[in-house]
Amino acid sequence: MKKVKPSPQNVFREAWQKMSADMDQVMPKALQGRTGRLKFSLGLALLELVVLGALGKFVYDWLVN
């Protein structure tokens, strides 16, 4: 039996839909629509970078000293 590959467009569309559903679970109820989603995502990414950067700096300083 020949295996049929899904078209790339369908794979990306399915991945996008799954990612959007996952983000809806993380976001507050007020931001689950389109409005505010970009600001929330960018703020969350910035917060993550700052927290991980600070944590990495402290771990690095602790290991070096």
N, C-alpha and C. Protein backbone atom coordinates (compact mmCIF):
# COMPACT_ATOMS: atom_id res chain seq x y z
N MET A 1 0.84 -1.16 0.00
CA MET A 1 0.00 0.00 0.00
C MET A 1 0.89 1.24 0.00
N LYS A 2 0.57 2.18 -0.86
CA LYS A 2 1.35 3.39 -1.00
C LYS A 2 0.94 4.40 0.07
N LYS A 3 1.97 4.97 0.74
CA LYS A 3 1.71 5.98 1.77
C LYS A 3 1.50 7.34 1.11
N VAL A 4 0.47 8.02 1.51
CA VAL A 4 0.14 9.33 0.96
C VAL A 4 0.63 10.40 1.93
N LYS A 5 1.48 11.30 1.41
CA LYS A 5 1.98 12.40 2.24
C LYS A 5 0.94 13.52 2.26
N PRO A 6 0.68 14.09 3.44
CA PRO A 6 -0.23 15.24 3.47
C PRO A 6 0.46 16.44 2.82
N SER A 7 -0.31 17.28 2.20
CA SER A 7 0.28 18.46 1.57
C SER A 7 0.82 19.40 2.64
N PRO A 8 1.92 20.09 2.35
CA PRO A 8 2.52 20.98 3.35
C PRO A 8 1.57 22.05 3.86
N GLN A 9 0.71 22.55 2.99
CA GLN A 9 -0.20 23.61 3.41
C GLN A 9 -1.14 23.10 4.50
N ASN A 10 -1.63 21.89 4.37
CA ASN A 10 -2.52 21.32 5.37
C ASN A 10 -1.79 21.05 6.68
N VAL A 11 -0.54 20.64 6.61
CA VAL A 11 0.24 20.37 7.81
C VAL A 11 0.45 21.67 8.58
N PHE A 12 0.82 22.73 7.88
CA PHE A 12 1.05 24.01 8.54
C PHE A 12 -0.25 24.57 9.11
N ARG A 13 -1.34 24.41 8.38
CA ARG A 13 -2.64 24.90 8.86
C ARG A 13 -3.04 24.15 10.13
N GLU A 14 -2.84 22.84 10.13
CA GLU A 14 -3.19 22.05 11.32
C GLU A 14 -2.32 22.44 12.51
N ALA A 15 -1.02 22.65 12.27
CA ALA A 15 -0.12 23.06 13.35
C ALA A 15 -0.51 24.42 13.90
N TRP A 16 -0.89 25.36 13.01
CA TRP A 16 -1.30 26.68 13.44
C TRP A 16 -2.56 26.61 14.29
N GLN A 17 -3.52 25.77 13.88
CA GLN A 17 -4.76 25.63 14.64
C GLN A 17 -4.49 25.03 16.03
N LYS A 18 -3.62 24.05 16.10
CA LYS A 18 -3.28 23.45 17.39
C LYS A 18 -2.56 24.44 18.29
N MET A 19 -1.64 25.22 17.70
CA MET A 19 -0.92 26.22 18.49
C MET A 19 -1.87 27.30 19.00
N SER A 20 -2.80 27.71 18.16
CA SER A 20 -3.77 28.72 18.58
C SER A 20 -4.66 28.20 19.71
N ALA A 21 -5.06 26.94 19.62
CA ALA A 21 -5.87 26.35 20.69
C ALA A 21 -5.09 26.28 21.99
N ASP A 22 -3.81 25.95 21.91
CA ASP A 22 -2.97 25.90 23.12
C ASP A 22 -2.80 27.29 23.72
N MET A 23 -2.61 28.31 22.87
CA MET A 23 -2.46 29.67 23.38
C MET A 23 -3.75 30.17 24.01
N ASP A 24 -4.90 29.74 23.49
CA ASP A 24 -6.18 30.14 24.08
C ASP A 24 -6.32 29.59 25.50
N GLN A 25 -5.73 28.44 25.77
CA GLN A 25 -5.80 27.87 27.11
C GLN A 25 -4.93 28.66 28.08
N VAL A 26 -3.84 29.24 27.59
CA VAL A 26 -2.90 29.98 28.45
C VAL A 26 -3.38 31.40 28.71
N MET A 27 -4.02 31.99 27.71
CA MET A 27 -4.41 33.40 27.80
C MET A 27 -5.60 33.60 28.73
N PRO A 28 -5.64 34.77 29.35
CA PRO A 28 -6.82 35.12 30.14
C PRO A 28 -8.06 35.17 29.26
N LYS A 29 -9.22 35.01 29.87
CA LYS A 29 -10.49 34.97 29.12
C LYS A 29 -10.70 36.22 28.28
N ALA A 30 -10.31 37.37 28.79
CA ALA A 30 -10.53 38.63 28.08
C ALA A 30 -9.70 38.72 26.80
N LEU A 31 -8.58 38.00 26.74
CA LEU A 31 -7.68 38.11 25.59
C LEU A 31 -7.78 36.93 24.63
N GLN A 32 -8.75 36.07 24.78
CA GLN A 32 -8.82 34.89 23.94
C GLN A 32 -9.26 35.20 22.52
N GLY A 33 -9.79 36.37 22.26
CA GLY A 33 -10.13 36.77 20.90
C GLY A 33 -8.89 37.30 20.20
N ARG A 34 -9.07 37.91 19.07
CA ARG A 34 -7.95 38.45 18.30
C ARG A 34 -7.35 39.70 18.94
N THR A 35 -8.19 40.54 19.55
CA THR A 35 -7.69 41.79 20.10
C THR A 35 -6.89 41.53 21.37
N GLY A 36 -5.73 42.11 21.44
CA GLY A 36 -4.90 41.98 22.62
C GLY A 36 -4.00 40.76 22.61
N ARG A 37 -4.21 39.84 21.70
CA ARG A 37 -3.41 38.61 21.67
C ARG A 37 -1.95 38.90 21.37
N LEU A 38 -1.68 39.80 20.44
CA LEU A 38 -0.32 40.13 20.06
C LEU A 38 0.41 40.81 21.22
N LYS A 39 -0.24 41.77 21.86
CA LYS A 39 0.40 42.45 22.99
C LYS A 39 0.70 41.49 24.12
N PHE A 40 -0.24 40.60 24.41
CA PHE A 40 -0.03 39.62 25.48
C PHE A 40 1.12 38.69 25.14
N SER A 41 1.18 38.21 23.90
CA SER A 41 2.23 37.28 23.49
C SER A 41 3.60 37.95 23.54
N LEU A 42 3.68 39.19 23.06
CA LEU A 42 4.95 39.90 23.11
C LEU A 42 5.38 40.19 24.55
N GLY A 43 4.44 40.57 25.39
CA GLY A 43 4.76 40.81 26.80
C GLY A 43 5.22 39.55 27.49
N LEU A 44 4.57 38.45 27.21
CA LEU A 44 4.96 37.16 27.80
C LEU A 44 6.35 36.75 27.34
N ALA A 45 6.66 36.95 26.05
CA ALA A 45 7.99 36.61 25.53
C ALA A 45 9.06 37.50 26.16
N LEU A 46 8.77 38.78 26.31
CA LEU A 46 9.72 39.70 26.93
C LEU A 46 9.97 39.32 28.39
N LEU A 47 8.91 39.01 29.11
CA LEU A 47 9.04 38.60 30.50
C LEU A 47 9.87 37.31 30.60
N GLU A 48 9.63 36.39 29.70
CA GLU A 48 10.39 35.14 29.71
C GLU A 48 11.87 35.39 29.46
N LEU A 49 12.18 36.27 28.50
CA LEU A 49 13.58 36.57 28.22
C LEU A 49 14.27 37.24 29.41
N VAL A 50 13.58 38.15 30.06
CA VAL A 50 14.17 38.85 31.20
C VAL A 50 14.39 37.86 32.36
N VAL A 51 13.40 37.05 32.66
CA VAL A 51 13.52 36.10 33.77
C VAL A 51 14.61 35.07 33.49
N LEU A 52 14.60 34.50 32.29
CA LEU A 52 15.62 33.50 31.96
C LEU A 52 17.00 34.13 31.88
N GLY A 53 17.09 35.37 31.40
CA GLY A 53 18.37 36.07 31.36
C GLY A 53 18.92 36.31 32.75
N ALA A 54 18.08 36.77 33.66
CA ALA A 54 18.53 37.02 35.03
C ALA A 54 18.91 35.72 35.72
N LEU A 55 18.11 34.69 35.53
CA LEU A 55 18.41 33.39 36.13
C LEU A 55 19.73 32.84 35.58
N GLY A 56 19.92 32.97 34.27
CA GLY A 56 21.16 32.50 33.65
C GLY A 56 22.37 33.26 34.16
N LYS A 57 22.23 34.56 34.38
CA LYS A 57 23.33 35.37 34.89
C LYS A 57 23.72 34.92 36.30
N PHE A 58 22.71 34.70 37.14
CA PHE A 58 23.01 34.28 38.51
C PHE A 58 23.64 32.89 38.55
N VAL A 59 23.17 31.99 37.73
CA VAL A 59 23.76 30.64 37.67
C VAL A 59 25.18 30.71 37.15
N TYR A 60 25.42 31.52 36.12
CA TYR A 60 26.76 31.67 35.57
C TYR A 60 27.71 32.26 36.61
N ASP A 61 27.29 33.33 37.31
CA ASP A 61 28.14 33.94 38.34
C ASP A 61 28.42 32.95 39.46
N TRP A 62 27.43 32.13 39.82
CA TRP A 62 27.61 31.16 40.89
C TRP A 62 28.61 30.07 40.47
N LEU A 63 28.55 29.63 39.23
CA LEU A 63 29.45 28.59 38.77
C LEU A 63 30.87 29.11 38.55
N VAL A 64 31.02 30.36 38.12
CA VAL A 64 32.34 30.92 37.86
C VAL A 64 33.07 31.20 39.17
N ASN A 65 32.36 31.68 40.17
CA ASN A 65 33.00 32.01 41.46
C ASN A 65 33.07 30.82 42.29
